[in-house]
Amino acid sequence: MCVSSGSLCGLKQAPRVWYNTFYEAMMAEGFVRLIKDHCVFIKTRGREICIISVYVDDLLVIGSKAFEGHPQTTLPDD
């Protein structure tokens, strides 16, 4: 769970703080960040795969049936 001590909107460092929080959440869930593209995270289980791409504050989640519902149940709504 991610908790902010105050509002970040409008601050110069807000995008970086948001990304760092997102990155830590992805690492905690076992995702690996691509070396060539820091906005793409991958998690595999055997032959099953889940890919999450982040652009600004939007996510694209692509994955095998085994990962269905996984990111939605583990990522905070904030």
N, C-alpha and C. Protein backbone atom coordinates (compact mmCIF):
# COMPACT_ATOMS: atom_id res chain seq x y z
N MET A 1 0.84 -1.17 0.00
CA MET A 1 0.00 0.00 0.00
C MET A 1 0.89 1.24 0.00
N CYS A 2 0.48 2.23 -0.76
CA CYS A 2 1.24 3.47 -0.86
C CYS A 2 0.47 4.60 -0.21
N VAL A 3 1.12 5.30 0.70
CA VAL A 3 0.47 6.41 1.39
C VAL A 3 1.31 7.65 1.20
N SER A 4 0.68 8.74 0.81
CA SER A 4 1.37 10.02 0.64
C SER A 4 1.11 10.89 1.86
N SER A 5 2.14 11.59 2.30
CA SER A 5 1.97 12.46 3.47
C SER A 5 1.29 13.77 3.10
N GLY A 6 1.14 14.04 1.82
CA GLY A 6 0.48 15.27 1.38
C GLY A 6 0.23 15.23 -0.11
N SER A 7 -0.41 16.24 -0.63
CA SER A 7 -0.72 16.31 -2.05
C SER A 7 0.55 16.58 -2.86
N LEU A 8 0.68 15.88 -3.98
CA LEU A 8 1.84 16.07 -4.85
C LEU A 8 1.49 16.87 -6.09
N CYS A 9 0.20 17.05 -6.36
CA CYS A 9 -0.24 17.73 -7.57
C CYS A 9 0.37 19.12 -7.66
N GLY A 10 0.90 19.43 -8.83
CA GLY A 10 1.46 20.75 -9.06
C GLY A 10 2.91 20.90 -8.69
N LEU A 11 3.45 19.94 -7.96
CA LEU A 11 4.86 20.03 -7.58
C LEU A 11 5.74 19.56 -8.74
N LYS A 12 6.91 20.16 -8.86
CA LYS A 12 7.83 19.83 -9.93
C LYS A 12 8.26 18.37 -9.89
N GLN A 13 8.41 17.82 -8.70
CA GLN A 13 8.90 16.46 -8.55
C GLN A 13 7.78 15.42 -8.55
N ALA A 14 6.52 15.83 -8.71
CA ALA A 14 5.38 14.92 -8.64
C ALA A 14 5.49 13.73 -9.60
N PRO A 15 5.83 13.94 -10.89
CA PRO A 15 5.94 12.79 -11.79
C PRO A 15 6.99 11.78 -11.34
N ARG A 16 8.11 12.26 -10.85
CA ARG A 16 9.19 11.37 -10.40
C ARG A 16 8.77 10.59 -9.16
N VAL A 17 8.11 11.25 -8.23
CA VAL A 17 7.63 10.58 -7.01
C VAL A 17 6.61 9.52 -7.39
N TRP A 18 5.70 9.85 -8.32
CA TRP A 18 4.69 8.88 -8.76
C TRP A 18 5.37 7.66 -9.39
N TYR A 19 6.35 7.89 -10.28
CA TYR A 19 7.04 6.78 -10.93
C TYR A 19 7.80 5.93 -9.92
N ASN A 20 8.49 6.55 -8.99
CA ASN A 20 9.24 5.79 -7.98
C ASN A 20 8.31 4.93 -7.13
N THR A 21 7.15 5.46 -6.78
CA THR A 21 6.16 4.69 -6.02
C THR A 21 5.65 3.51 -6.84
N PHE A 22 5.36 3.77 -8.12
CA PHE A 22 4.90 2.72 -9.02
C PHE A 22 5.98 1.66 -9.20
N TYR A 23 7.22 2.10 -9.40
CA TYR A 23 8.35 1.18 -9.59
C TYR A 23 8.50 0.26 -8.37
N GLU A 24 8.45 0.83 -7.18
CA GLU A 24 8.58 0.02 -5.96
C GLU A 24 7.44 -0.99 -5.84
N ALA A 25 6.23 -0.60 -6.22
CA ALA A 25 5.09 -1.53 -6.19
C ALA A 25 5.30 -2.67 -7.18
N MET A 26 5.83 -2.37 -8.37
CA MET A 26 6.08 -3.40 -9.38
C MET A 26 7.16 -4.37 -8.91
N MET A 27 8.22 -3.84 -8.33
CA MET A 27 9.30 -4.69 -7.84
C MET A 27 8.80 -5.59 -6.70
N ALA A 28 7.96 -5.06 -5.84
CA ALA A 28 7.41 -5.84 -4.73
C ALA A 28 6.54 -6.99 -5.24
N GLU A 29 5.93 -6.81 -6.41
CA GLU A 29 5.08 -7.85 -6.99
C GLU A 29 5.87 -8.83 -7.85
N GLY A 30 7.18 -8.62 -7.98
CA GLY A 30 8.01 -9.55 -8.73
C GLY A 30 8.18 -9.21 -10.20
N PHE A 31 7.80 -8.01 -10.61
CA PHE A 31 7.99 -7.60 -11.99
C PHE A 31 9.43 -7.16 -12.20
N VAL A 32 9.90 -7.27 -13.44
CA VAL A 32 11.24 -6.85 -13.82
C VAL A 32 11.11 -5.72 -14.83
N ARG A 33 11.86 -4.65 -14.63
CA ARG A 33 11.82 -3.51 -15.56
C ARG A 33 12.78 -3.77 -16.71
N LEU A 34 12.36 -3.44 -17.93
CA LEU A 34 13.24 -3.59 -19.08
C LEU A 34 14.41 -2.62 -18.98
N ILE A 35 15.58 -3.06 -19.41
CA ILE A 35 16.77 -2.21 -19.38
C ILE A 35 16.65 -1.09 -20.41
N LYS A 36 16.15 -1.40 -21.60
CA LYS A 36 16.08 -0.42 -22.69
C LYS A 36 14.88 0.51 -22.58
N ASP A 37 13.84 0.12 -21.83
CA ASP A 37 12.64 0.95 -21.69
C ASP A 37 12.13 0.86 -20.26
N HIS A 38 12.37 1.88 -19.48
CA HIS A 38 12.02 1.86 -18.05
C HIS A 38 10.53 1.98 -17.80
N CYS A 39 9.74 2.06 -18.86
CA CYS A 39 8.28 2.15 -18.70
C CYS A 39 7.59 0.82 -18.95
N VAL A 40 8.36 -0.24 -19.14
CA VAL A 40 7.79 -1.57 -19.40
C VAL A 40 8.27 -2.53 -18.32
N PHE A 41 7.31 -3.23 -17.72
CA PHE A 41 7.59 -4.19 -16.65
C PHE A 41 7.04 -5.55 -17.07
N ILE A 42 7.81 -6.61 -16.80
CA ILE A 42 7.43 -7.96 -17.20
C ILE A 42 7.52 -8.90 -16.01
N LYS A 43 6.54 -9.81 -15.95
CA LYS A 43 6.58 -10.87 -14.94
C LYS A 43 6.22 -12.17 -15.63
N THR A 44 7.00 -13.21 -15.35
CA THR A 44 6.72 -14.51 -15.95
C THR A 44 6.56 -15.56 -14.86
N ARG A 45 5.73 -16.53 -15.17
CA ARG A 45 5.57 -17.73 -14.34
C ARG A 45 5.54 -18.91 -15.30
N GLY A 46 6.67 -19.58 -15.43
CA GLY A 46 6.74 -20.66 -16.41
C GLY A 46 6.58 -20.09 -17.81
N ARG A 47 5.55 -20.56 -18.53
CA ARG A 47 5.28 -20.07 -19.88
C ARG A 47 4.28 -18.92 -19.89
N GLU A 48 3.77 -18.55 -18.74
CA GLU A 48 2.80 -17.46 -18.64
C GLU A 48 3.54 -16.13 -18.50
N ILE A 49 2.98 -15.06 -19.05
CA ILE A 49 3.65 -13.76 -19.02
C ILE A 49 2.64 -12.64 -18.78
N CYS A 50 3.09 -11.61 -18.10
CA CYS A 50 2.30 -10.39 -17.90
C CYS A 50 3.21 -9.21 -18.20
N ILE A 51 2.76 -8.31 -19.07
CA ILE A 51 3.53 -7.13 -19.44
C ILE A 51 2.71 -5.89 -19.07
N ILE A 52 3.32 -4.97 -18.36
CA ILE A 52 2.66 -3.72 -18.00
C ILE A 52 3.50 -2.58 -18.55
N SER A 53 2.85 -1.74 -19.35
CA SER A 53 3.51 -0.56 -19.91
C SER A 53 2.84 0.67 -19.31
N VAL A 54 3.66 1.62 -18.87
CA VAL A 54 3.13 2.84 -18.26
C VAL A 54 3.51 4.04 -19.11
N TYR A 55 2.53 4.92 -19.36
CA TYR A 55 2.76 6.16 -20.10
C TYR A 55 2.05 7.27 -19.34
N VAL A 56 2.79 8.20 -18.82
CA VAL A 56 2.30 9.28 -17.96
C VAL A 56 1.58 8.64 -16.77
N ASP A 57 0.24 8.64 -16.75
CA ASP A 57 -0.47 7.98 -15.65
C ASP A 57 -1.44 6.93 -16.17
N ASP A 58 -1.18 6.40 -17.38
CA ASP A 58 -2.00 5.34 -17.97
C ASP A 58 -1.21 4.04 -17.99
N LEU A 59 -1.92 2.93 -17.83
CA LEU A 59 -1.30 1.61 -17.86
C LEU A 59 -1.91 0.78 -18.98
N LEU A 60 -1.07 0.01 -19.66
CA LEU A 60 -1.51 -0.99 -20.61
C LEU A 60 -1.06 -2.32 -20.04
N VAL A 61 -2.02 -3.21 -19.75
CA VAL A 61 -1.71 -4.50 -19.15
C VAL A 61 -2.04 -5.58 -20.16
N ILE A 62 -1.04 -6.39 -20.50
CA ILE A 62 -1.20 -7.48 -21.45
C ILE A 62 -0.67 -8.74 -20.78
N GLY A 63 -1.43 -9.83 -20.88
CA GLY A 63 -0.91 -11.03 -20.24
C GLY A 63 -1.70 -12.28 -20.55
N SER A 64 -1.15 -13.37 -20.08
CA SER A 64 -1.77 -14.67 -20.21
C SER A 64 -2.97 -14.77 -19.27
N LYS A 65 -3.83 -15.75 -19.53
CA LYS A 65 -5.01 -15.96 -18.69
C LYS A 65 -4.65 -16.16 -17.23
N ALA A 66 -3.49 -16.76 -16.95
CA ALA A 66 -3.09 -17.04 -15.57
C ALA A 66 -2.92 -15.76 -14.75
N PHE A 67 -2.67 -14.64 -15.41
CA PHE A 67 -2.47 -13.37 -14.71
C PHE A 67 -3.74 -12.53 -14.67
N GLU A 68 -4.84 -13.04 -15.19
CA GLU A 68 -6.08 -12.27 -15.25
C GLU A 68 -6.49 -11.79 -13.86
N GLY A 69 -6.68 -10.49 -13.72
CA GLY A 69 -7.08 -9.90 -12.45
C GLY A 69 -5.93 -9.63 -11.51
N HIS A 70 -4.74 -10.12 -11.81
CA HIS A 70 -3.60 -9.97 -10.90
C HIS A 70 -3.23 -8.52 -10.63
N PRO A 71 -2.95 -7.69 -11.64
CA PRO A 71 -2.55 -6.30 -11.33
C PRO A 71 -3.65 -5.51 -10.63
N GLN A 72 -4.90 -5.75 -11.00
CA GLN A 72 -5.99 -4.98 -10.41
C GLN A 72 -6.14 -5.27 -8.93
N THR A 73 -5.81 -6.47 -8.50
CA THR A 73 -5.99 -6.81 -7.09
C THR A 73 -4.79 -6.39 -6.24
N THR A 74 -3.66 -6.08 -6.87
CA THR A 74 -2.48 -5.77 -6.08
C THR A 74 -2.04 -4.32 -6.15
N LEU A 75 -2.46 -3.59 -7.18
CA LEU A 75 -2.06 -2.20 -7.30
C LEU A 75 -3.05 -1.30 -6.57
N PRO A 76 -2.56 -0.28 -5.89
CA PRO A 76 -3.48 0.64 -5.21
C PRO A 76 -4.27 1.46 -6.23
N ASP A 77 -5.47 1.85 -5.87
CA ASP A 77 -6.33 2.64 -6.76
C ASP A 77 -5.90 4.08 -6.86
N ASP A 78 -5.11 4.56 -5.94
CA ASP A 78 -4.73 5.98 -5.90
C ASP A 78 -3.86 6.36 -7.06
